[in-house]
PDB file of all heavy atoms in Angstrom:
ATOM      1  N   SER A   1      44.711  57.909 -16.509  1.00  0.00           N
ATOM      2  CA  SER A   1      44.796  56.637 -15.791  1.00  0.00           C
ATOM      3  C   SER A   1      46.074  56.479 -14.970  1.00  0.00           C
ATOM      4  O   SER A   1      46.038  56.024 -13.844  1.00  0.00           O
ATOM      5  CB  SER A   1      44.640  55.483 -16.777  1.00  0.00           C
ATOM      6  OG  SER A   1      44.627  54.252 -16.101  1.00  0.00           O
ATOM      7  N   HIS A   2      47.215  56.896 -15.557  1.00  0.00           N
ATOM      8  CA  HIS A   2      48.484  56.653 -14.827  1.00  0.00           C
ATOM      9  C   HIS A   2      48.634  57.550 -13.605  1.00  0.00           C
ATOM     10  O   HIS A   2      49.521  57.341 -12.772  1.00  0.00           O
ATOM     11  CB  HIS A   2      49.682  56.826 -15.772  1.00  0.00           C
ATOM     12  CG  HIS A   2      49.920  58.239 -16.221  1.00  0.00           C
ATOM     13  ND1 HIS A   2      50.591  59.144 -15.445  1.00  0.00           N
ATOM     14  CD2 HIS A   2      49.591  58.901 -17.372  1.00  0.00           C
ATOM     15  CE1 HIS A   2      50.666  60.315 -16.079  1.00  0.00           C
ATOM     16  NE2 HIS A   2      50.053  60.171 -17.255  1.00  0.00           N
ATOM     17  N   HIS A   3      47.784  58.541 -13.446  1.00  0.00           N
ATOM     18  CA  HIS A   3      47.830  59.386 -12.261  1.00  0.00           C
ATOM     19  C   HIS A   3      47.529  58.614 -10.982  1.00  0.00           C
ATOM     20  O   HIS A   3      47.800  59.097  -9.888  1.00  0.00           O
ATOM     21  CB  HIS A   3      46.846  60.548 -12.383  1.00  0.00           C
ATOM     22  CG  HIS A   3      47.300  61.611 -13.337  1.00  0.00           C
ATOM     23  ND1 HIS A   3      46.506  62.723 -13.617  1.00  0.00           N
ATOM     24  CD2 HIS A   3      48.421  61.762 -14.059  1.00  0.00           C
ATOM     25  CE1 HIS A   3      47.149  63.487 -14.476  1.00  0.00           C
ATOM     26  NE2 HIS A   3      48.314  62.922 -14.758  1.00  0.00           N
ATOM     27  N   ALA A   4      46.921  57.421 -11.123  1.00  0.00           N
ATOM     28  CA  ALA A   4      46.573  56.631  -9.948  1.00  0.00           C
ATOM     29  C   ALA A   4      47.595  55.555  -9.636  1.00  0.00           C
ATOM     30  O   ALA A   4      47.375  54.745  -8.724  1.00  0.00           O
ATOM     31  CB  ALA A   4      45.194  55.991 -10.154  1.00  0.00           C
ATOM     32  N   ASP A   5      48.724  55.510 -10.325  1.00  0.00           N
ATOM     33  CA  ASP A   5      49.683  54.411 -10.171  1.00  0.00           C
ATOM     34  C   ASP A   5      50.144  54.288  -8.719  1.00  0.00           C
ATOM     35  O   ASP A   5      50.115  53.188  -8.141  1.00  0.00           O
ATOM     36  CB  ASP A   5      50.895  54.630 -11.093  1.00  0.00           C
ATOM     37  CG  ASP A   5      50.524  54.377 -12.545  1.00  0.00           C
ATOM     38  OD1 ASP A   5      49.417  53.878 -12.813  1.00  0.00           O
ATOM     39  OD2 ASP A   5      51.362  54.707 -13.417  1.00  0.00           O
ATOM     40  N   LEU A   6      50.633  55.370  -8.134  1.00  0.00           N
ATOM     41  CA  LEU A   6      51.155  55.311  -6.756  1.00  0.00           C
ATOM     42  C   LEU A   6      50.039  54.997  -5.763  1.00  0.00           C
ATOM     43  O   LEU A   6      50.248  54.281  -4.780  1.00  0.00           O
ATOM     44  CB  LEU A   6      51.852  56.610  -6.397  1.00  0.00           C
ATOM     45  CG  LEU A   6      53.208  56.872  -7.078  1.00  0.00           C
ATOM     46  CD1 LEU A   6      53.781  58.187  -6.623  1.00  0.00           C
ATOM     47  CD2 LEU A   6      54.186  55.732  -6.794  1.00  0.00           C
ATOM     48  N   LEU A   7      48.862  55.545  -6.006  1.00  0.00           N
ATOM     49  CA  LEU A   7      47.729  55.260  -5.106  1.00  0.00           C
ATOM     50  C   LEU A   7      47.390  53.769  -5.133  1.00  0.00           C
ATOM     51  O   LEU A   7      47.100  53.164  -4.085  1.00  0.00           O
ATOM     52  CB  LEU A   7      46.513  56.082  -5.499  1.00  0.00           C
ATOM     53  CG  LEU A   7      45.248  55.786  -4.716  1.00  0.00           C
ATOM     54  CD1 LEU A   7      45.438  56.125  -3.241  1.00  0.00           C
ATOM     55  CD2 LEU A   7      44.046  56.547  -5.273  1.00  0.00           C
ATOM     56  N   GLU A   8      47.441  53.164  -6.288  1.00  0.00           N
ATOM     57  CA  GLU A   8      47.125  51.724  -6.385  1.00  0.00           C
ATOM     58  C   GLU A   8      48.099  50.896  -5.546  1.00  0.00           C
ATOM     59  O   GLU A   8      47.714  49.916  -4.895  1.00  0.00           O
ATOM     60  CB  GLU A   8      47.154  51.277  -7.846  1.00  0.00           C
ATOM     61  CG  GLU A   8      45.998  51.837  -8.663  1.00  0.00           C
ATOM     62  CD  GLU A   8      45.974  51.290 -10.086  1.00  0.00           C
ATOM     63  OE1 GLU A   8      45.877  50.049 -10.238  1.00  0.00           O
ATOM     64  OE2 GLU A   8      46.056  52.094 -11.026  1.00  0.00           O
ATOM     65  N   LEU A   9      49.380  51.296  -5.545  1.00  0.00           N
ATOM     66  CA  LEU A   9      50.359  50.588  -4.711  1.00  0.00           C
ATOM     67  C   LEU A   9      50.018  50.725  -3.243  1.00  0.00           C
ATOM     68  O   LEU A   9      50.089  49.775  -2.464  1.00  0.00           O
ATOM     69  CB  LEU A   9      51.760  51.145  -4.994  1.00  0.00           C
ATOM     70  CG  LEU A   9      52.344  50.877  -6.375  1.00  0.00           C
ATOM     71  CD1 LEU A   9      53.682  51.585  -6.517  1.00  0.00           C
ATOM     72  CD2 LEU A   9      52.506  49.376  -6.618  1.00  0.00           C
ATOM     73  N   GLU A  10      49.636  51.942  -2.828  1.00  0.00           N
ATOM     74  CA  GLU A  10      49.313  52.185  -1.423  1.00  0.00           C
ATOM     75  C   GLU A  10      48.010  51.442  -1.026  1.00  0.00           C
ATOM     76  O   GLU A  10      47.931  50.890   0.075  1.00  0.00           O
ATOM     77  CB  GLU A  10      49.170  53.678  -1.172  1.00  0.00           C
ATOM     78  CG  GLU A  10      48.918  54.071   0.275  1.00  0.00           C
ATOM     79  CD  GLU A  10      50.088  53.814   1.189  1.00  0.00           C
ATOM     80  OE1 GLU A  10      51.196  53.482   0.684  1.00  0.00           O
ATOM     81  OE2 GLU A  10      49.931  53.956   2.424  1.00  0.00           O
ATOM     82  N   LEU A  11      47.040  51.414  -1.918  1.00  0.00           N
ATOM     83  CA  LEU A  11      45.808  50.671  -1.637  1.00  0.00           C
ATOM     84  C   LEU A  11      46.107  49.187  -1.437  1.00  0.00           C
ATOM     85  O   LEU A  11      45.553  48.548  -0.542  1.00  0.00           O
ATOM     86  CB  LEU A  11      44.800  50.885  -2.766  1.00  0.00           C
ATOM     87  CG  LEU A  11      44.191  52.282  -2.916  1.00  0.00           C
ATOM     88  CD1 LEU A  11      43.404  52.378  -4.221  1.00  0.00           C
ATOM     89  CD2 LEU A  11      43.266  52.586  -1.726  1.00  0.00           C
ATOM     90  N   SER A  12      46.946  48.656  -2.287  1.00  0.00           N
ATOM     91  CA  SER A  12      47.311  47.233  -2.167  1.00  0.00           C
ATOM     92  C   SER A  12      48.052  46.975  -0.862  1.00  0.00           C
ATOM     93  O   SER A  12      47.812  45.963  -0.184  1.00  0.00           O
ATOM     94  CB  SER A  12      48.161  46.811  -3.356  1.00  0.00           C
ATOM     95  OG  SER A  12      47.427  46.945  -4.567  1.00  0.00           O
ATOM     96  N   ARG A  13      48.956  47.880  -0.513  1.00  0.00           N
ATOM     97  CA  ARG A  13      49.739  47.694   0.724  1.00  0.00           C
ATOM     98  C   ARG A  13      48.817  47.694   1.941  1.00  0.00           C
ATOM     99  O   ARG A  13      49.052  46.970   2.925  1.00  0.00           O
ATOM    100  CB  ARG A  13      50.776  48.812   0.847  1.00  0.00           C
ATOM    101  CG  ARG A  13      51.764  48.628   1.984  1.00  0.00           C
ATOM    102  CD  ARG A  13      52.746  49.772   2.063  1.00  0.00           C
ATOM    103  NE  ARG A  13      52.134  51.000   2.522  1.00  0.00           N
ATOM    104  CZ  ARG A  13      51.859  51.267   3.797  1.00  0.00           C
ATOM    105  NH1 ARG A  13      52.132  50.383   4.734  1.00  0.00           N
ATOM    106  NH2 ARG A  13      51.300  52.414   4.131  1.00  0.00           N
ATOM    107  N   ARG A  14      47.743  48.502   1.899  1.00  0.00           N
ATOM    108  CA  ARG A  14      46.841  48.614   3.037  1.00  0.00           C
ATOM    109  C   ARG A  14      45.652  47.653   2.941  1.00  0.00           C
ATOM    110  O   ARG A  14      44.733  47.743   3.743  1.00  0.00           O
ATOM    111  CB  ARG A  14      46.311  50.062   3.139  1.00  0.00           C
ATOM    112  CG  ARG A  14      47.392  51.087   3.377  1.00  0.00           C
ATOM    113  CD  ARG A  14      46.792  52.262   4.089  1.00  0.00           C
ATOM    114  NE  ARG A  14      47.625  53.446   4.074  1.00  0.00           N
ATOM    115  CZ  ARG A  14      47.378  54.548   4.743  1.00  0.00           C
ATOM    116  NH1 ARG A  14      46.293  54.610   5.498  1.00  0.00           N
ATOM    117  NH2 ARG A  14      48.154  55.597   4.670  1.00  0.00           N
ATOM    118  N   ASN A  15      45.666  46.823   1.932  1.00  0.00           N
ATOM    119  CA  ASN A  15      44.601  45.812   1.774  1.00  0.00           C
ATOM    120  C   ASN A  15      43.234  46.461   1.587  1.00  0.00           C
ATOM    121  O   ASN A  15      42.209  46.017   2.145  1.00  0.00           O
ATOM    122  CB  ASN A  15      44.573  44.856   2.989  1.00  0.00           C
ATOM    123  CG  ASN A  15      43.731  43.618   2.702  1.00  0.00           C
ATOM    124  OD1 ASN A  15      43.589  43.191   1.556  1.00  0.00           O
ATOM    125  ND2 ASN A  15      43.138  43.051   3.751  1.00  0.00           N
ATOM    126  N   ILE A  16      43.217  47.529   0.795  1.00  0.00           N
ATOM    127  CA  ILE A  16      41.948  48.189   0.451  1.00  0.00           C
ATOM    128  C   ILE A  16      41.561  47.748  -0.974  1.00  0.00           C
ATOM    129  O   ILE A  16      42.245  48.115  -1.922  1.00  0.00           O
ATOM    130  CB  ILE A  16      42.085  49.729   0.498  1.00  0.00           C
ATOM    131  CG1 ILE A  16      42.508  50.186   1.888  1.00  0.00           C
ATOM    132  CG2 ILE A  16      40.757  50.394   0.102  1.00  0.00           C
ATOM    133  CD1 ILE A  16      42.779  51.679   1.978  1.00  0.00           C
ATOM    134  N   PRO A  17      40.522  46.950  -1.117  1.00  0.00           N
ATOM    135  CA  PRO A  17      40.158  46.471  -2.461  1.00  0.00           C
ATOM    136  C   PRO A  17      39.607  47.613  -3.316  1.00  0.00           C
ATOM    137  O   PRO A  17      38.975  48.555  -2.799  1.00  0.00           O
ATOM    138  CB  PRO A  17      39.069  45.427  -2.173  1.00  0.00           C
ATOM    139  CG  PRO A  17      38.469  45.850  -0.889  1.00  0.00           C
ATOM    140  CD  PRO A  17      39.578  46.464  -0.078  1.00  0.00           C
ATOM    141  N   TYR A  18      39.849  47.550  -4.615  1.00  0.00           N
ATOM    142  CA  TYR A  18      39.374  48.597  -5.497  1.00  0.00           C
ATOM    143  C   TYR A  18      39.073  48.026  -6.874  1.00  0.00           C
ATOM    144  O   TYR A  18      39.582  46.970  -7.263  1.00  0.00           O
ATOM    145  CB  TYR A  18      40.373  49.741  -5.595  1.00  0.00           C
ATOM    146  CG  TYR A  18      41.697  49.365  -6.221  1.00  0.00           C
ATOM    147  CD1 TYR A  18      41.877  49.466  -7.624  1.00  0.00           C
ATOM    148  CD2 TYR A  18      42.768  48.914  -5.468  1.00  0.00           C
ATOM    149  CE1 TYR A  18      43.082  49.125  -8.204  1.00  0.00           C
ATOM    150  CE2 TYR A  18      43.965  48.562  -6.031  1.00  0.00           C
ATOM    151  CZ  TYR A  18      44.130  48.661  -7.416  1.00  0.00           C
ATOM    152  OH  TYR A  18      45.306  48.321  -7.982  1.00  0.00           O
ATOM    153  N   VAL A  19      38.250  48.746  -7.605  1.00  0.00           N
ATOM    154  CA  VAL A  19      37.966  48.435  -9.007  1.00  0.00           C
ATOM    155  C   VAL A  19      38.258  49.673  -9.807  1.00  0.00           C
ATOM    156  O   VAL A  19      37.814  50.779  -9.448  1.00  0.00           O
ATOM    157  CB  VAL A  19      36.491  48.001  -9.204  1.00  0.00           C
ATOM    158  CG1 VAL A  19      36.157  47.901 -10.706  1.00  0.00           C
ATOM    159  CG2 VAL A  19      36.241  46.677  -8.533  1.00  0.00           C
ATOM    160  N   LYS A  20      39.003  49.536 -10.887  1.00  0.00           N
ATOM    161  CA  LYS A  20      39.396  50.681 -11.717  1.00  0.00           C
ATOM    162  C   LYS A  20      38.646  50.629 -13.040  1.00  0.00           C
ATOM    163  O   LYS A  20      38.692  49.624 -13.752  1.00  0.00           O
ATOM    164  CB  LYS A  20      40.912  50.666 -11.953  1.00  0.00           C
ATOM    165  CG  LYS A  20      41.440  51.923 -12.610  1.00  0.00           C
ATOM    166  CD  LYS A  20      42.956  51.869 -12.683  1.00  0.00           C
ATOM    167  CE  LYS A  20      43.538  53.150 -13.271  1.00  0.00           C
ATOM    168  NZ  LYS A  20      45.007  53.096 -13.327  1.00  0.00           N
ATOM    169  N   TYR A  21      37.929  51.707 -13.349  1.00  0.00           N
ATOM    170  CA  TYR A  21      37.211  51.743 -14.619  1.00  0.00           C
ATOM    171  C   TYR A  21      38.202  51.833 -15.762  1.00  0.00           C
ATOM    172  O   TYR A  21      39.166  52.592 -15.728  1.00  0.00           O
ATOM    173  CB  TYR A  21      36.293  52.973 -14.664  1.00  0.00           C
ATOM    174  CG  TYR A  21      35.033  52.849 -13.853  1.00  0.00           C
ATOM    175  CD1 TYR A  21      34.493  53.949 -13.216  1.00  0.00           C
ATOM    176  CD2 TYR A  21      34.400  51.630 -13.702  1.00  0.00           C
ATOM    177  CE1 TYR A  21      33.329  53.862 -12.467  1.00  0.00           C
ATOM    178  CE2 TYR A  21      33.244  51.518 -12.963  1.00  0.00           C
ATOM    179  CZ  TYR A  21      32.715  52.638 -12.335  1.00  0.00           C
ATOM    180  OH  TYR A  21      31.568  52.527 -11.592  1.00  0.00           O
ATOM    181  N   GLY A  22      37.907  51.101 -16.820  1.00  0.00           N
ATOM    182  CA  GLY A  22      38.777  51.106 -17.994  1.00  0.00           C
ATOM    183  C   GLY A  22      39.193  49.690 -18.319  1.00  0.00           C
ATOM    184  O   GLY A  22      38.636  48.708 -17.847  1.00  0.00           O
ATOM    185  N   GLY A  23      40.239  49.566 -19.143  1.00  0.00           N
ATOM    186  CA  GLY A  23      40.699  48.245 -19.535  1.00  0.00           C
ATOM    187  C   GLY A  23      40.192  47.848 -20.903  1.00  0.00           C
ATOM    188  O   GLY A  23      39.497  48.599 -21.586  1.00  0.00           O
ATOM    189  N   LEU A  24      40.524  46.654 -21.293  1.00  0.00           N
ATOM    190  CA  LEU A  24      40.192  46.132 -22.625  1.00  0.00           C
ATOM    191  C   LEU A  24      38.714  45.819 -22.733  1.00  0.00           C
ATOM    192  O   LEU A  24      38.129  45.156 -21.865  1.00  0.00           O
ATOM    193  CB  LEU A  24      40.992  44.866 -22.887  1.00  0.00           C
ATOM    194  CG  LEU A  24      41.095  44.374 -24.315  1.00  0.00           C
ATOM    195  CD1 LEU A  24      41.791  45.396 -25.197  1.00  0.00           C
ATOM    196  CD2 LEU A  24      41.864  43.062 -24.348  1.00  0.00           C
ATOM    197  N   LYS A  25      38.077  46.306 -23.766  1.00  0.00           N
ATOM    198  CA  LYS A  25      36.671  46.002 -24.014  1.00  0.00           C
ATOM    199  C   LYS A  25      36.527  44.608 -24.599  1.00  0.00           C
ATOM    200  O   LYS A  25      37.452  44.056 -25.195  1.00  0.00           O
ATOM    201  CB  LYS A  25      36.054  47.058 -24.927  1.00  0.00           C
ATOM    202  CG  LYS A  25      35.924  48.434 -24.289  1.00  0.00           C
ATOM    203  CD  LYS A  25      35.244  49.398 -25.224  1.00  0.00           C
ATOM    204  CE  LYS A  25      34.961  50.727 -24.530  1.00  0.00           C
ATOM    205  NZ  LYS A  25      36.187  51.392 -24.072  1.00  0.00           N
ATOM    206  N   PHE A  26      35.340  44.068 -24.450  1.00  0.00           N
ATOM    207  CA  PHE A  26      35.066  42.668 -24.864  1.00  0.00           C
ATOM    208  C   PHE A  26      35.496  42.412 -26.300  1.00  0.00           C
ATOM    209  O   PHE A  26      36.216  41.460 -26.587  1.00  0.00           O
ATOM    210  CB  PHE A  26      33.566  42.420 -24.685  1.00  0.00           C
ATOM    211  CG  PHE A  26      33.170  40.965 -24.849  1.00  0.00           C
ATOM    212  CD1 PHE A  26      33.290  40.081 -23.806  1.00  0.00           C
ATOM    213  CD2 PHE A  26      32.655  40.508 -26.058  1.00  0.00           C
ATOM    214  CE1 PHE A  26      32.912  38.756 -23.944  1.00  0.00           C
ATOM    215  CE2 PHE A  26      32.284  39.194 -26.201  1.00  0.00           C
ATOM    216  CZ  PHE A  26      32.406  38.320 -25.147  1.00  0.00           C
ATOM    217  N   LEU A  27      35.061  43.271 -27.222  1.00  0.00           N
ATOM    218  CA  LEU A  27      35.342  43.029 -28.638  1.00  0.00           C
ATOM    219  C   LEU A  27      36.795  43.296 -29.004  1.00  0.00           C
ATOM    220  O   LEU A  27      37.203  42.977 -30.107  1.00  0.00           O
ATOM    221  CB  LEU A  27      34.423  43.873 -29.513  1.00  0.00           C
ATOM    222  CG  LEU A  27      32.995  43.363 -29.654  1.00  0.00           C
ATOM    223  CD1 LEU A  27      32.256  44.200 -30.675  1.00  0.00           C
ATOM    224  CD2 LEU A  27      32.960  41.907 -30.059  1.00  0.00           C
ATOM    225  N   GLU A  28      37.569  43.876 -28.107  1.00  0.00           N
ATOM    226  CA  GLU A  28      38.988  44.097 -28.376  1.00  0.00           C
ATOM    227  C   GLU A  28      39.837  42.887 -28.006  1.00  0.00           C
ATOM    228  O   GLU A  28      41.003  42.821 -28.378  1.00  0.00           O
ATOM    229  CB  GLU A  28      39.488  45.342 -27.631  1.00  0.00           C
ATOM    230  CG  GLU A  28      38.830  46.646 -28.112  1.00  0.00           C
ATOM    231  CD  GLU A  28      39.184  47.822 -27.229  1.00  0.00           C
ATOM    232  OE1 GLU A  28      39.808  47.602 -26.160  1.00  0.00           O
ATOM    233  OE2 GLU A  28      38.823  48.946 -27.583  1.00  0.00           O
ATOM    234  N   ALA A  29      39.276  41.927 -27.283  1.00  0.00           N
ATOM    235  CA  ALA A  29      40.009  40.731 -26.889  1.00  0.00           C
ATOM    236  C   ALA A  29      40.215  39.846 -28.118  1.00  0.00           C
ATOM    237  O   ALA A  29      39.311  39.625 -28.919  1.00  0.00           O
ATOM    238  CB  ALA A  29      39.223  39.970 -25.817  1.00  0.00           C
ATOM    239  N   ALA A  30      41.430  39.333 -28.266  1.00  0.00           N
ATOM    240  CA  ALA A  30      41.803  38.612 -29.486  1.00  0.00           C
ATOM    241  C   ALA A  30      40.903  37.427 -29.776  1.00  0.00           C
ATOM    242  O   ALA A  30      40.480  37.212 -30.921  1.00  0.00           O
ATOM    243  CB  ALA A  30      43.261  38.172 -29.374  1.00  0.00           C
ATOM    244  N   HIS A  31      40.564  36.634 -28.755  1.00  0.00           N
ATOM    245  CA  HIS A  31      39.781  35.428 -28.989  1.00  0.00           C
ATOM    246  C   HIS A  31      38.358  35.761 -29.404  1.00  0.00           C
ATOM    247  O   HIS A  31      37.758  35.063 -30.224  1.00  0.00           O
ATOM    248  CB  HIS A  31      39.774  34.542 -27.736  1.00  0.00           C
ATOM    249  CG  HIS A  31      39.328  35.257 -26.492  1.00  0.00           C
ATOM    250  ND1 HIS A  31      40.042  36.269 -25.895  1.00  0.00           N
ATOM    251  CD2 HIS A  31      38.210  35.100 -25.718  1.00  0.00           C
ATOM    252  CE1 HIS A  31      39.411  36.702 -24.829  1.00  0.00           C
ATOM    253  NE2 HIS A  31      38.292  36.033 -24.692  1.00  0.00           N
ATOM    254  N   VAL A  32      37.813  36.846 -28.847  1.00  0.00           N
ATOM    255  CA  VAL A  32      36.452  37.258 -29.238  1.00  0.00           C
ATOM    256  C   VAL A  32      36.458  37.764 -30.679  1.00  0.00           C
ATOM    257  O   VAL A  32      35.577  37.440 -31.471  1.00  0.00           O
ATOM    258  CB  VAL A  32      35.902  38.334 -28.281  1.00  0.00           C
ATOM    259  CG1 VAL A  32      34.531  38.807 -28.716  1.00  0.00           C
ATOM    260  CG2 VAL A  32      35.843  37.794 -26.861  1.00  0.00           C
ATOM    261  N   LYS A  33      37.480  38.534 -31.046  1.00  0.00           N
ATOM    262  CA  LYS A  33      37.585  39.021 -32.403  1.00  0.00           C
ATOM    263  C   LYS A  33      37.713  37.866 -33.399  1.00  0.00           C
ATOM    264  O   LYS A  33      37.226  37.929 -34.528  1.00  0.00           O
ATOM    265  CB  LYS A  33      38.764  39.990 -32.548  1.00  0.00           C
ATOM    266  CG  LYS A  33      38.556  41.331 -31.856  1.00  0.00           C
ATOM    267  CD  LYS A  33      39.675  42.299 -32.153  1.00  0.00           C
ATOM    268  CE  LYS A  33      39.614  42.790 -33.580  1.00  0.00           C
ATOM    269  NZ  LYS A  33      38.446  43.586 -33.870  1.00  0.00           N
ATOM    270  N   ASP A  34      38.396  36.799 -32.972  1.00  0.00           N
ATOM    271  CA  ASP A  34      38.544  35.643 -33.864  1.00  0.00           C
ATOM    272  C   ASP A  34      37.190  35.017 -34.198  1.00  0.00           C
ATOM    273  O   ASP A  34      36.866  34.757 -35.361  1.00  0.00           O
ATOM    274  CB  ASP A  34      39.432  34.567 -33.186  1.00  0.00           C
ATOM    275  CG  ASP A  34      40.886  34.968 -33.161  1.00  0.00           C
ATOM    276  OD1 ASP A  34      41.249  35.946 -33.848  1.00  0.00           O
ATOM    277  OD2 ASP A  34      41.659  34.302 -32.456  1.00  0.00           O
ATOM    278  N   LEU A  35      36.379  34.788 -33.180  1.00  0.00           N
ATOM    279  CA  LEU A  35      35.093  34.137 -33.434  1.00  0.00           C
ATOM    280  C   LEU A  35      34.144  35.067 -34.207  1.00  0.00           C
ATOM    281  O   LEU A  35      33.395  34.607 -35.076  1.00  0.00           O
ATOM    282  CB  LEU A  35      34.440  33.672 -32.118  1.00  0.00           C
ATOM    283  CG  LEU A  35      33.338  32.642 -32.370  1.00  0.00           C
ATOM    284  CD1 LEU A  35      33.479  31.464 -31.416  1.00  0.00           C
ATOM    285  CD2 LEU A  35      31.961  33.245 -32.217  1.00  0.00           C
ATOM    286  N   VAL A  36      34.185  36.348 -33.893  1.00  0.00           N
ATOM    287  CA  VAL A  36      33.367  37.296 -34.627  1.00  0.00           C
ATOM    288  C   VAL A  36      33.811  37.342 -36.102  1.00  0.00           C
ATOM    289  O   VAL A  36      32.980  37.436 -37.010  1.00  0.00           O
ATOM    290  CB  VAL A  36      33.450  38.697 -33.995  1.00  0.00           C
ATOM    291  CG1 VAL A  36      32.787  39.752 -34.871  1.00  0.00           C
ATOM    292  CG2 VAL A  36      32.774  38.670 -32.618  1.00  0.00           C
ATOM    293  N   ALA A  37      35.103  37.233 -36.339  1.00  0.00           N
ATOM    294  CA  ALA A  37      35.609  37.207 -37.713  1.00  0.00           C
ATOM    295  C   ALA A  37      35.058  36.000 -38.480  1.00  0.00           C
ATOM    296  O   ALA A  37      34.723  36.107 -39.665  1.00  0.00           O
ATOM    297  CB  ALA A  37      37.140  37.184 -37.722  1.00  0.00           C
ATOM    298  N   LEU A  38      34.952  34.853 -37.807  1.00  0.00           N
ATOM    299  CA  LEU A  38      34.378  33.666 -38.457  1.00  0.00           C
ATOM    300  C   LEU A  38      32.925  33.922 -38.864  1.00  0.00           C
ATOM    301  O   LEU A  38      32.499  33.544 -39.964  1.00  0.00           O
ATOM    302  CB  LEU A  38      34.463  32.481 -37.504  1.00  0.00           C
ATOM    303  CG  LEU A  38      35.862  31.919 -37.259  1.00  0.00           C
ATOM    304  CD1 LEU A  38      35.866  30.996 -36.046  1.00  0.00           C
ATOM    305  CD2 LEU A  38      36.352  31.150 -38.511  1.00  0.00           C
ATOM    306  N   LEU A  39      32.150  34.531 -37.973  1.00  0.00           N
ATOM    307  CA  LEU A  39      30.777  34.869 -38.305  1.00  0.00           C
ATOM    308  C   LEU A  39      30.704  35.845 -39.470  1.00  0.00           C
ATOM    309  O   LEU A  39      29.839  35.744 -40.352  1.00  0.00           O
ATOM    310  CB  LEU A  39      30.067  35.465 -37.095  1.00  0.00           C
ATOM    311  CG  LEU A  39      29.728  34.501 -35.954  1.00  0.00           C
ATOM    312  CD1 LEU A  39      29.272  35.271 -34.724  1.00  0.00           C
ATOM    313  CD2 LEU A  39      28.666  33.501 -36.370  1.00  0.00           C
ATOM    314  N   ARG A  40      31.628  36.779 -39.495  1.00  0.00           N
ATOM    315  CA  ARG A  40      31.632  37.770 -40.577  1.00  0.00           C
ATOM    316  C   ARG A  40      31.929  37.138 -41.930  1.00  0.00           C
ATOM    317  O   ARG A  40      31.454  37.596 -42.974  1.00  0.00           O
ATOM    318  CB  ARG A  40      32.638  38.889 -40.250  1.00  0.00           C
ATOM    319  CG  ARG A  40      32.109  39.883 -39.228  1.00  0.00           C
ATOM    320  CD  ARG A  40      33.156  40.824 -38.723  1.00  0.00           C
ATOM    321  NE  ARG A  40      34.025  41.340 -39.783  1.00  0.00           N
ATOM    322  CZ  ARG A  40      35.163  41.986 -39.565  1.00  0.00           C
ATOM    323  NH1 ARG A  40      35.570  42.169 -38.299  1.00  0.00           N
ATOM    324  NH2 ARG A  40      35.888  42.426 -40.555  1.00  0.00           N
ATOM    325  N   LEU A  41      32.728  36.078 -41.928  1.00  0.00           N
ATOM    326  CA  LEU A  41      33.016  35.406 -43.190  1.00  0.00           C
ATOM    327  C   LEU A  41      31.738  34.840 -43.809  1.00  0.00           C
ATOM    328  O   LEU A  41      31.540  34.865 -45.022  1.00  0.00           O
ATOM    329  CB  LEU A  41      34.006  34.247 -42.966  1.00  0.00           C
ATOM    330  CG  LEU A  41      35.442  34.641 -42.630  1.00  0.00           C
ATOM    331  CD1 LEU A  41      36.298  33.401 -42.450  1.00  0.00           C
ATOM    332  CD2 LEU A  41      36.016  35.529 -43.711  1.00  0.00           C
ATOM    333  N   LEU A  42      30.857  34.317 -42.960  1.00  0.00           N
ATOM    334  CA  LEU A  42      29.595  33.767 -43.448  1.00  0.00           C
ATOM    335  C   LEU A  42      28.643  34.880 -43.886  1.00  0.00           C
ATOM    336  O   LEU A  42      27.827  34.706 -44.793  1.00  0.00           O
ATOM    337  CB  LEU A  42      28.934  32.920 -42.352  1.00  0.00           C
ATOM    338  CG  LEU A  42      29.705  31.667 -41.959  1.00  0.00           C
ATOM    339  CD1 LEU A  42      29.103  31.021 -40.736  1.00  0.00           C
ATOM    340  CD2 LEU A  42      29.740  30.679 -43.114  1.00  0.00           C
ATOM    341  N   ASP A  43      28.747  36.016 -43.239  1.00  0.00           N
ATOM    342  CA  ASP A  43      27.869  37.142 -43.600  1.00  0.00           C
ATOM    343  C   ASP A  43      28.371  37.858 -44.849  1.00  0.00           C
ATOM    344  O   ASP A  43      27.594  38.400 -45.615  1.00  0.00           O
ATOM    345  CB  ASP A  43      27.827  38.139 -42.432  1.00  0.00           C
ATOM    346  CG  ASP A  43      26.430  38.690 -42.209  1.00  0.00           C
ATOM    347  OD1 ASP A  43      25.473  37.884 -42.260  1.00  0.00           O
ATOM    348  OD2 ASP A  43      26.295  39.898 -41.994  1.00  0.00           O
TER     349      ASP A  43
END
């Protein structure tokens, strides 16, 4: 992923929009894990 760091800066400078695959998955987000934990308590 970090191999694209400089390219991302250049894309932003030239106003070229982009989407980068990766990032935090839904269930890894703290607030989602909190609510799922509540459901797990009942289960």
